[in-house]
N, C-alpha and C. Protein backbone atom coordinates (compact mmCIF):
# COMPACT_ATOMS: atom_id res chain seq x y z
N MET A 1 5.75 88.88 102.48
CA MET A 1 7.17 88.62 102.50
C MET A 1 7.60 88.08 103.86
N ALA A 2 7.00 88.61 104.92
CA ALA A 2 7.37 88.14 106.25
C ALA A 2 7.02 86.67 106.42
N PHE A 3 5.82 86.28 105.95
CA PHE A 3 5.42 84.87 106.07
C PHE A 3 6.33 83.97 105.25
N LEU A 4 6.76 84.44 104.08
CA LEU A 4 7.69 83.67 103.27
C LEU A 4 9.01 83.51 104.02
N GLY A 5 9.46 84.57 104.65
CA GLY A 5 10.68 84.49 105.47
C GLY A 5 10.53 83.51 106.61
N PHE A 6 9.37 83.54 107.28
CA PHE A 6 9.13 82.58 108.37
C PHE A 6 9.18 81.16 107.84
N ALA A 7 8.54 80.93 106.67
CA ALA A 7 8.51 79.59 106.09
C ALA A 7 9.91 79.14 105.68
N LEU A 8 10.66 80.03 105.06
CA LEU A 8 12.02 79.69 104.64
C LEU A 8 12.91 79.36 105.84
N ALA A 9 12.60 80.01 106.97
CA ALA A 9 13.37 79.75 108.19
C ALA A 9 12.91 78.49 108.91
N GLY A 10 11.83 77.86 108.41
CA GLY A 10 11.35 76.62 109.00
C GLY A 10 10.39 76.78 110.15
N ALA A 11 9.79 77.98 110.29
CA ALA A 11 8.84 78.20 111.38
C ALA A 11 7.61 77.33 111.17
N SER A 12 7.14 76.73 112.21
CA SER A 12 5.99 75.84 112.13
C SER A 12 4.73 76.63 111.76
N GLY A 13 3.91 76.03 110.89
CA GLY A 13 2.65 76.65 110.51
C GLY A 13 2.76 77.57 109.30
N PHE A 14 3.94 77.73 108.73
CA PHE A 14 4.13 78.59 107.58
C PHE A 14 4.59 77.77 106.39
N SER A 15 4.06 78.06 105.22
CA SER A 15 4.35 77.28 104.01
C SER A 15 5.00 78.16 102.96
N VAL A 16 6.10 77.68 102.40
CA VAL A 16 6.77 78.41 101.31
C VAL A 16 5.84 78.49 100.11
N VAL A 17 5.20 77.37 99.76
CA VAL A 17 4.31 77.34 98.59
C VAL A 17 3.13 78.30 98.78
N ALA A 18 2.49 78.23 99.93
CA ALA A 18 1.34 79.11 100.18
C ALA A 18 1.77 80.58 100.15
N SER A 19 2.93 80.88 100.70
CA SER A 19 3.43 82.26 100.69
C SER A 19 3.71 82.73 99.28
N LEU A 20 4.29 81.87 98.46
CA LEU A 20 4.57 82.25 97.08
C LEU A 20 3.29 82.41 96.26
N VAL A 21 2.30 81.56 96.52
CA VAL A 21 1.01 81.68 95.84
C VAL A 21 0.37 83.02 96.21
N ALA A 22 0.38 83.36 97.49
CA ALA A 22 -0.21 84.63 97.95
C ALA A 22 0.54 85.81 97.34
N LEU A 23 1.85 85.75 97.32
CA LEU A 23 2.66 86.84 96.76
C LEU A 23 2.38 87.00 95.26
N ALA A 24 2.33 85.90 94.54
CA ALA A 24 2.06 85.96 93.10
C ALA A 24 0.67 86.53 92.82
N ALA A 25 -0.33 86.11 93.59
CA ALA A 25 -1.69 86.61 93.38
C ALA A 25 -1.78 88.10 93.73
N PHE A 26 -1.10 88.50 94.80
CA PHE A 26 -1.07 89.92 95.19
C PHE A 26 -0.47 90.76 94.05
N LEU A 27 0.68 90.32 93.54
CA LEU A 27 1.34 91.06 92.46
C LEU A 27 0.46 91.10 91.21
N ALA A 28 -0.22 89.99 90.93
CA ALA A 28 -1.13 89.95 89.77
C ALA A 28 -2.27 90.94 89.96
N GLY A 29 -2.87 90.98 91.15
CA GLY A 29 -3.95 91.92 91.42
C GLY A 29 -3.50 93.36 91.27
N ALA A 30 -2.31 93.67 91.78
CA ALA A 30 -1.78 95.03 91.66
C ALA A 30 -1.50 95.38 90.21
N ALA A 31 -0.88 94.47 89.48
CA ALA A 31 -0.53 94.74 88.08
C ALA A 31 -1.78 94.90 87.22
N ILE A 32 -2.74 94.01 87.39
CA ILE A 32 -3.97 94.07 86.59
C ILE A 32 -4.70 95.37 86.87
N ASN A 33 -4.84 95.72 88.15
CA ASN A 33 -5.58 96.93 88.49
C ASN A 33 -4.85 98.19 88.02
N ALA A 34 -3.54 98.22 88.18
CA ALA A 34 -2.78 99.40 87.77
C ALA A 34 -2.86 99.61 86.25
N ARG A 35 -2.87 98.52 85.51
CA ARG A 35 -2.88 98.63 84.06
C ARG A 35 -4.27 98.82 83.48
N SER A 36 -5.29 98.57 84.27
CA SER A 36 -6.66 98.71 83.75
C SER A 36 -7.36 99.95 84.29
N ALA A 37 -6.67 100.76 85.09
CA ALA A 37 -7.28 101.96 85.66
C ALA A 37 -7.50 103.00 84.56
N ARG A 38 -8.76 103.29 84.30
CA ARG A 38 -9.12 104.29 83.29
C ARG A 38 -10.15 105.23 83.91
N GLY A 39 -10.29 106.39 83.29
CA GLY A 39 -11.27 107.35 83.77
C GLY A 39 -10.71 108.17 84.92
N THR A 40 -11.62 108.79 85.63
CA THR A 40 -11.22 109.64 86.75
C THR A 40 -10.76 108.76 87.92
N PRO A 41 -10.02 109.33 88.87
CA PRO A 41 -9.65 108.55 90.05
C PRO A 41 -10.86 107.98 90.79
N GLN A 42 -11.95 108.74 90.84
CA GLN A 42 -13.15 108.26 91.52
C GLN A 42 -13.74 107.05 90.79
N GLN A 43 -13.73 107.07 89.46
CA GLN A 43 -14.24 105.93 88.69
C GLN A 43 -13.36 104.71 88.90
N ALA A 44 -12.04 104.92 88.87
CA ALA A 44 -11.11 103.80 89.09
C ALA A 44 -11.29 103.21 90.48
N LEU A 45 -11.48 104.08 91.47
CA LEU A 45 -11.69 103.61 92.83
C LEU A 45 -13.01 102.85 92.94
N GLY A 46 -14.05 103.35 92.30
CA GLY A 46 -15.34 102.66 92.32
C GLY A 46 -15.25 101.27 91.70
N ARG A 47 -14.55 101.16 90.56
CA ARG A 47 -14.39 99.85 89.92
C ARG A 47 -13.58 98.92 90.82
N THR A 48 -12.52 99.45 91.43
CA THR A 48 -11.70 98.63 92.32
C THR A 48 -12.52 98.14 93.50
N ALA A 49 -13.33 99.01 94.08
CA ALA A 49 -14.16 98.62 95.22
C ALA A 49 -15.16 97.54 94.82
N ALA A 50 -15.73 97.65 93.62
CA ALA A 50 -16.68 96.64 93.16
C ALA A 50 -15.99 95.28 92.95
N VAL A 51 -14.82 95.31 92.34
CA VAL A 51 -14.07 94.06 92.12
C VAL A 51 -13.66 93.47 93.46
N GLU A 52 -13.19 94.32 94.36
CA GLU A 52 -12.78 93.83 95.68
C GLU A 52 -13.96 93.21 96.43
N ALA A 53 -15.12 93.84 96.34
CA ALA A 53 -16.31 93.29 96.99
C ALA A 53 -16.67 91.92 96.40
N ALA A 54 -16.57 91.80 95.08
CA ALA A 54 -16.89 90.52 94.43
C ALA A 54 -15.88 89.44 94.85
N LEU A 55 -14.61 89.80 94.92
CA LEU A 55 -13.60 88.83 95.33
C LEU A 55 -13.79 88.40 96.79
N CYS A 56 -14.13 89.36 97.66
CA CYS A 56 -14.40 89.01 99.06
C CYS A 56 -15.64 88.12 99.17
N ALA A 57 -16.65 88.41 98.36
CA ALA A 57 -17.84 87.56 98.35
C ALA A 57 -17.49 86.15 97.90
N ALA A 58 -16.64 86.05 96.87
CA ALA A 58 -16.21 84.72 96.40
C ALA A 58 -15.47 83.97 97.50
N ALA A 59 -14.59 84.66 98.21
CA ALA A 59 -13.87 84.02 99.31
C ALA A 59 -14.83 83.59 100.41
N SER A 60 -15.86 84.39 100.67
CA SER A 60 -16.88 84.02 101.67
C SER A 60 -17.59 82.74 101.28
N ILE A 61 -17.94 82.64 100.02
CA ILE A 61 -18.63 81.43 99.53
C ILE A 61 -17.73 80.21 99.68
N VAL A 62 -16.47 80.36 99.30
CA VAL A 62 -15.53 79.24 99.44
C VAL A 62 -15.41 78.84 100.91
N ALA A 63 -15.35 79.83 101.81
CA ALA A 63 -15.24 79.54 103.24
C ALA A 63 -16.46 78.77 103.76
N ILE A 64 -17.62 79.08 103.19
CA ILE A 64 -18.85 78.43 103.64
C ILE A 64 -18.97 77.01 103.09
N VAL A 65 -18.70 76.83 101.80
CA VAL A 65 -18.95 75.54 101.17
C VAL A 65 -17.71 74.67 101.02
N GLY A 66 -16.54 75.25 101.10
CA GLY A 66 -15.32 74.49 100.85
C GLY A 66 -14.67 74.01 102.13
N GLY A 67 -13.61 73.29 101.95
CA GLY A 67 -12.83 72.81 103.08
C GLY A 67 -11.51 72.26 102.59
N GLY A 68 -10.57 72.20 103.46
CA GLY A 68 -9.30 71.59 103.13
C GLY A 68 -8.34 72.53 102.42
N THR A 69 -7.30 71.94 101.90
CA THR A 69 -6.20 72.69 101.28
C THR A 69 -6.66 73.46 100.06
N THR A 70 -7.48 72.85 99.22
CA THR A 70 -7.92 73.53 97.99
C THR A 70 -8.70 74.79 98.33
N ALA A 71 -9.59 74.72 99.30
CA ALA A 71 -10.37 75.89 99.70
C ALA A 71 -9.46 76.97 100.28
N ARG A 72 -8.47 76.58 101.09
CA ARG A 72 -7.55 77.57 101.65
C ARG A 72 -6.77 78.28 100.55
N TYR A 73 -6.30 77.53 99.56
CA TYR A 73 -5.58 78.15 98.45
C TYR A 73 -6.49 79.04 97.62
N ALA A 74 -7.72 78.61 97.39
CA ALA A 74 -8.66 79.44 96.63
C ALA A 74 -8.92 80.76 97.35
N MET A 75 -9.15 80.70 98.66
CA MET A 75 -9.37 81.93 99.43
C MET A 75 -8.12 82.80 99.41
N THR A 76 -6.95 82.19 99.53
CA THR A 76 -5.69 82.93 99.49
C THR A 76 -5.55 83.68 98.19
N VAL A 77 -5.83 83.01 97.08
CA VAL A 77 -5.67 83.63 95.77
C VAL A 77 -6.64 84.80 95.59
N VAL A 78 -7.93 84.58 95.85
CA VAL A 78 -8.89 85.67 95.59
C VAL A 78 -8.68 86.84 96.54
N LEU A 79 -8.33 86.58 97.79
CA LEU A 79 -8.10 87.68 98.72
C LEU A 79 -6.79 88.41 98.41
N ALA A 80 -5.77 87.70 97.98
CA ALA A 80 -4.51 88.35 97.59
C ALA A 80 -4.71 89.19 96.33
N LEU A 81 -5.51 88.71 95.38
CA LEU A 81 -5.84 89.52 94.20
C LEU A 81 -6.52 90.82 94.63
N ALA A 82 -7.48 90.71 95.56
CA ALA A 82 -8.20 91.90 96.05
C ALA A 82 -7.24 92.86 96.75
N MET A 83 -6.35 92.32 97.57
CA MET A 83 -5.41 93.19 98.29
C MET A 83 -4.44 93.87 97.33
N GLY A 84 -4.00 93.15 96.30
CA GLY A 84 -3.12 93.76 95.30
C GLY A 84 -3.82 94.89 94.57
N ALA A 85 -5.08 94.66 94.18
CA ALA A 85 -5.85 95.71 93.51
C ALA A 85 -6.04 96.91 94.42
N GLN A 86 -6.34 96.65 95.69
CA GLN A 86 -6.54 97.73 96.65
C GLN A 86 -5.27 98.56 96.80
N ASN A 87 -4.13 97.91 96.89
CA ASN A 87 -2.88 98.64 97.04
C ASN A 87 -2.53 99.43 95.79
N ALA A 88 -2.85 98.91 94.62
CA ALA A 88 -2.58 99.65 93.39
C ALA A 88 -3.40 100.93 93.34
N ILE A 89 -4.68 100.86 93.71
CA ILE A 89 -5.50 102.06 93.67
C ILE A 89 -5.10 103.04 94.78
N ALA A 90 -4.72 102.52 95.94
CA ALA A 90 -4.25 103.41 97.02
C ALA A 90 -3.00 104.16 96.58
N ARG A 91 -2.12 103.46 95.89
CA ARG A 91 -0.90 104.10 95.38
C ARG A 91 -1.25 105.14 94.33
N GLN A 92 -2.19 104.81 93.44
CA GLN A 92 -2.58 105.76 92.38
C GLN A 92 -3.22 107.01 92.98
N LEU A 93 -4.08 106.84 93.98
CA LEU A 93 -4.76 107.98 94.58
C LEU A 93 -3.83 108.81 95.46
N ALA A 94 -2.81 108.18 96.00
CA ALA A 94 -1.81 108.85 96.83
C ALA A 94 -2.44 109.68 97.95
N VAL A 95 -3.37 109.07 98.69
CA VAL A 95 -4.00 109.75 99.82
C VAL A 95 -2.94 109.89 100.91
N PRO A 96 -2.65 111.10 101.35
CA PRO A 96 -1.58 111.29 102.33
C PRO A 96 -1.84 110.55 103.63
N ASP A 97 -0.81 109.90 104.13
CA ASP A 97 -0.79 109.29 105.45
C ASP A 97 -1.75 108.12 105.62
N MET A 98 -2.32 107.59 104.55
CA MET A 98 -3.19 106.43 104.68
C MET A 98 -2.55 105.25 103.97
N THR A 99 -1.47 104.77 104.54
CA THR A 99 -0.82 103.61 103.98
C THR A 99 -1.57 102.38 104.47
N THR A 100 -1.92 101.50 103.55
CA THR A 100 -2.73 100.36 103.93
C THR A 100 -1.90 99.14 104.27
N THR A 101 -0.67 99.09 103.83
CA THR A 101 0.13 97.90 104.06
C THR A 101 1.40 98.15 104.85
N VAL A 102 1.74 99.37 105.10
CA VAL A 102 3.00 99.65 105.77
C VAL A 102 2.72 100.44 107.04
N LEU A 103 2.17 99.73 108.02
CA LEU A 103 1.84 100.37 109.28
C LEU A 103 3.07 100.96 109.94
N THR A 104 4.20 100.31 109.78
CA THR A 104 5.42 100.83 110.41
C THR A 104 5.79 102.20 109.86
N LEU A 105 5.53 102.45 108.57
CA LEU A 105 5.81 103.77 108.00
C LEU A 105 4.91 104.82 108.65
N THR A 106 3.66 104.47 108.88
CA THR A 106 2.72 105.39 109.52
C THR A 106 3.15 105.68 110.95
N LEU A 107 3.54 104.63 111.68
CA LEU A 107 4.01 104.83 113.06
C LEU A 107 5.28 105.67 113.09
N THR A 108 6.17 105.43 112.14
CA THR A 108 7.40 106.22 112.06
C THR A 108 7.08 107.68 111.81
N GLY A 109 6.14 107.94 110.89
CA GLY A 109 5.74 109.32 110.61
C GLY A 109 5.17 109.99 111.84
N LEU A 110 4.38 109.26 112.62
CA LEU A 110 3.81 109.83 113.84
C LEU A 110 4.90 110.16 114.85
N ALA A 111 5.89 109.27 114.95
CA ALA A 111 6.96 109.49 115.92
C ALA A 111 7.97 110.53 115.45
N ALA A 112 8.26 110.56 114.13
CA ALA A 112 9.35 111.40 113.64
C ALA A 112 8.93 112.81 113.28
N ASP A 113 7.70 113.01 112.84
CA ASP A 113 7.27 114.34 112.40
C ASP A 113 6.89 115.22 113.58
N HIS A 114 7.05 116.51 113.39
CA HIS A 114 6.67 117.47 114.43
C HIS A 114 5.15 117.48 114.57
N PRO A 115 4.62 117.32 115.80
CA PRO A 115 3.16 117.31 115.99
C PRO A 115 2.54 118.64 115.57
N ASP A 116 1.40 118.58 114.89
CA ASP A 116 0.71 119.79 114.46
C ASP A 116 -0.79 119.70 114.77
N LEU A 117 -1.11 119.27 115.98
CA LEU A 117 -2.49 119.01 116.36
C LEU A 117 -3.40 120.22 116.20
N GLY A 118 -2.88 121.41 116.39
CA GLY A 118 -3.72 122.60 116.32
C GLY A 118 -3.93 123.13 114.92
N GLN A 119 -3.25 122.59 113.94
CA GLN A 119 -3.32 123.08 112.56
C GLN A 119 -4.54 122.49 111.84
N PRO A 120 -5.14 123.27 110.94
CA PRO A 120 -6.18 122.69 110.09
C PRO A 120 -5.56 121.60 109.20
N GLY A 121 -6.28 120.50 109.00
CA GLY A 121 -5.75 119.41 108.19
C GLY A 121 -4.52 118.77 108.83
N SER A 122 -4.54 118.65 110.14
CA SER A 122 -3.39 118.18 110.91
C SER A 122 -2.84 116.85 110.41
N HIS A 123 -1.57 116.87 110.08
CA HIS A 123 -0.83 115.67 109.66
C HIS A 123 -0.83 114.65 110.81
N THR A 124 -0.63 115.10 112.02
CA THR A 124 -0.58 114.22 113.19
C THR A 124 -1.92 113.53 113.40
N ARG A 125 -3.02 114.27 113.28
CA ARG A 125 -4.35 113.67 113.46
C ARG A 125 -4.63 112.64 112.37
N ARG A 126 -4.22 112.93 111.13
CA ARG A 126 -4.43 111.96 110.04
C ARG A 126 -3.65 110.69 110.30
N LEU A 127 -2.39 110.81 110.74
CA LEU A 127 -1.59 109.63 111.04
C LEU A 127 -2.21 108.82 112.16
N ALA A 128 -2.62 109.50 113.23
CA ALA A 128 -3.24 108.80 114.36
C ALA A 128 -4.55 108.14 113.93
N GLY A 129 -5.33 108.82 113.09
CA GLY A 129 -6.57 108.24 112.59
C GLY A 129 -6.33 107.00 111.74
N ALA A 130 -5.28 107.03 110.92
CA ALA A 130 -4.95 105.87 110.09
C ALA A 130 -4.55 104.68 110.97
N ILE A 131 -3.78 104.94 112.00
CA ILE A 131 -3.35 103.87 112.91
C ILE A 131 -4.55 103.28 113.65
N ILE A 132 -5.43 104.14 114.12
CA ILE A 132 -6.62 103.68 114.84
C ILE A 132 -7.53 102.86 113.90
N ALA A 133 -7.69 103.33 112.65
CA ALA A 133 -8.53 102.60 111.70
C ALA A 133 -7.94 101.22 111.40
N LEU A 134 -6.63 101.13 111.21
CA LEU A 134 -6.00 99.84 110.94
C LEU A 134 -6.12 98.90 112.14
N LEU A 135 -5.91 99.43 113.32
CA LEU A 135 -6.02 98.62 114.53
C LEU A 135 -7.45 98.14 114.74
N ALA A 136 -8.42 99.02 114.55
CA ALA A 136 -9.82 98.64 114.73
C ALA A 136 -10.23 97.56 113.74
N GLY A 137 -9.81 97.70 112.50
CA GLY A 137 -10.14 96.69 111.49
C GLY A 137 -9.51 95.35 111.79
N ALA A 138 -8.24 95.37 112.20
CA ALA A 138 -7.55 94.12 112.53
C ALA A 138 -8.20 93.45 113.74
N THR A 139 -8.56 94.24 114.73
CA THR A 139 -9.18 93.69 115.94
C THR A 139 -10.56 93.11 115.62
N ALA A 140 -11.35 93.86 114.88
CA ALA A 140 -12.70 93.38 114.53
C ALA A 140 -12.62 92.10 113.70
N GLY A 141 -11.74 92.07 112.72
CA GLY A 141 -11.60 90.88 111.90
C GLY A 141 -11.16 89.67 112.70
N THR A 142 -10.21 89.88 113.59
CA THR A 142 -9.72 88.78 114.42
C THR A 142 -10.81 88.26 115.35
N LEU A 143 -11.57 89.16 115.95
CA LEU A 143 -12.67 88.74 116.82
C LEU A 143 -13.72 87.94 116.06
N LEU A 144 -14.02 88.38 114.83
CA LEU A 144 -14.99 87.64 114.02
C LEU A 144 -14.49 86.24 113.70
N VAL A 145 -13.20 86.10 113.40
CA VAL A 145 -12.65 84.77 113.09
C VAL A 145 -12.65 83.91 114.35
N LEU A 146 -12.19 84.48 115.48
CA LEU A 146 -12.05 83.70 116.71
C LEU A 146 -13.39 83.34 117.34
N ARG A 147 -14.36 84.25 117.29
CA ARG A 147 -15.63 84.03 117.96
C ARG A 147 -16.74 83.62 117.01
N GLY A 148 -16.48 83.73 115.73
CA GLY A 148 -17.47 83.34 114.72
C GLY A 148 -16.85 82.34 113.78
N SER A 149 -16.51 82.80 112.60
CA SER A 149 -15.89 81.93 111.61
C SER A 149 -15.18 82.79 110.58
N THR A 150 -14.37 82.15 109.77
CA THR A 150 -13.72 82.85 108.67
C THR A 150 -14.77 83.44 107.74
N ALA A 151 -15.83 82.68 107.50
CA ALA A 151 -16.90 83.16 106.62
C ALA A 151 -17.54 84.43 107.17
N TRP A 152 -17.73 84.53 108.47
CA TRP A 152 -18.30 85.75 109.06
C TRP A 152 -17.37 86.93 108.82
N ALA A 153 -16.07 86.73 109.04
CA ALA A 153 -15.11 87.82 108.85
C ALA A 153 -15.09 88.27 107.40
N LEU A 154 -15.08 87.31 106.47
CA LEU A 154 -15.07 87.66 105.06
C LEU A 154 -16.38 88.32 104.65
N GLY A 155 -17.49 87.86 105.20
CA GLY A 155 -18.78 88.47 104.92
C GLY A 155 -18.83 89.91 105.41
N ALA A 156 -18.28 90.17 106.57
CA ALA A 156 -18.26 91.53 107.10
C ALA A 156 -17.38 92.44 106.27
N ALA A 157 -16.33 91.87 105.65
CA ALA A 157 -15.42 92.66 104.82
C ALA A 157 -16.01 92.92 103.44
N THR A 158 -17.10 92.24 103.10
CA THR A 158 -17.72 92.39 101.80
C THR A 158 -18.83 93.43 101.90
N PRO A 159 -18.63 94.61 101.34
CA PRO A 159 -19.69 95.62 101.43
C PRO A 159 -20.89 95.22 100.58
N SER A 160 -22.08 95.62 101.03
CA SER A 160 -23.29 95.28 100.28
C SER A 160 -23.32 96.00 98.95
N SER A 161 -22.72 97.17 98.90
CA SER A 161 -22.54 97.87 97.63
C SER A 161 -21.24 98.65 97.75
N PRO A 162 -20.52 98.81 96.64
CA PRO A 162 -19.25 99.53 96.72
C PRO A 162 -19.46 100.94 97.24
N PRO A 163 -18.61 101.39 98.15
CA PRO A 163 -18.75 102.73 98.68
C PRO A 163 -18.44 103.78 97.63
N SER A 164 -18.97 104.96 97.85
CA SER A 164 -18.69 106.07 96.95
C SER A 164 -17.62 106.93 97.59
N TYR A 165 -16.48 107.00 96.97
CA TYR A 165 -15.37 107.76 97.51
C TYR A 165 -15.12 108.98 96.65
N SER A 166 -14.58 109.99 97.28
CA SER A 166 -14.09 111.13 96.50
C SER A 166 -12.67 111.41 96.97
N ARG A 167 -11.87 111.85 96.07
CA ARG A 167 -10.48 112.13 96.39
C ARG A 167 -10.41 113.43 97.18
N PRO A 168 -9.70 113.42 98.32
CA PRO A 168 -9.60 114.64 99.10
C PRO A 168 -8.75 115.67 98.38
N GLU A 169 -8.91 116.93 98.81
CA GLU A 169 -8.05 117.95 98.24
C GLU A 169 -6.60 117.63 98.55
N ARG A 170 -5.71 118.09 97.69
CA ARG A 170 -4.29 117.83 97.87
C ARG A 170 -3.82 118.45 99.17
N THR A 171 -3.09 117.67 99.94
CA THR A 171 -2.53 118.13 101.19
C THR A 171 -1.15 118.69 100.92
N PRO A 172 -0.83 119.85 101.51
CA PRO A 172 0.50 120.42 101.28
C PRO A 172 1.61 119.48 101.74
N THR A 173 2.73 119.52 101.06
CA THR A 173 3.89 118.72 101.46
C THR A 173 4.50 119.29 102.73
N ARG A 174 5.40 118.51 103.34
CA ARG A 174 6.08 119.01 104.54
C ARG A 174 6.80 120.32 104.25
N ARG A 175 7.45 120.39 103.08
CA ARG A 175 8.18 121.62 102.71
C ARG A 175 7.22 122.79 102.62
N GLU A 176 6.05 122.57 101.97
CA GLU A 176 5.07 123.65 101.85
C GLU A 176 4.53 124.05 103.22
N ARG A 177 4.30 123.07 104.10
CA ARG A 177 3.83 123.39 105.45
C ARG A 177 4.89 124.16 106.22
N ALA A 178 6.15 123.78 106.08
CA ALA A 178 7.23 124.44 106.81
C ALA A 178 7.42 125.88 106.38
N THR A 179 7.29 126.16 105.07
CA THR A 179 7.45 127.52 104.58
C THR A 179 6.26 128.38 104.92
N ARG A 180 5.11 127.74 105.18
CA ARG A 180 3.90 128.47 105.54
C ARG A 180 3.96 128.95 106.98
N ASP A 181 4.67 128.20 107.86
CA ASP A 181 4.70 128.53 109.29
C ASP A 181 5.56 129.72 109.59
C-alpha cells in the first residue's frame, strides 16, 4: 500500500500498475491459502512452506533466465502470491508477537507494554526477538541483492526442503498475565 501511495503521489521509481499487480497477487495468495487450509495447523503450515519454497524457486529461475519488464512482473506476482500465503498462515496460527508484515505494531508493543524480562515466556523477549529476526532477514537479503544478485537473494530465501514447524503452546493474554501477577 505504501508503494501504491508513493506511485499515486508521483514519486520517481514507483509504478501504480506494478503496485496494483503486487497487491492483487498478495490478496490472491492470502485468499487461496486461507480457503485451502485443511488438516492440523502443522499440516497447513507445512503445505504453505512447500508452496512458498516452490514460488521462491520459480522467482529465482525467472531472475536467472529472464530480463526486462516481463520478468520483473513475473517475479512480483509469484513472490506476492507467496507473501500472501505466508500471511494467511501466520494469521491462522496466531503466533503471539510474531507479526510478519506489521513491524510498527511489534515496535509499538515493545514500547507500550510493561517489560517482563524476568518472567518465563517473556513477552518483551519475544517482541525483541521478532524485531531482531526481521531486521536480520532484511539486512541479509539487501546485502545479497547489493553484493550478489536478485537471484542469489531469492535462492537464499528458498529452503532446500520445507521446515518442520510446530505450533507453540498458547501464550497467556495480557489480562491473564496481569491477574497472575
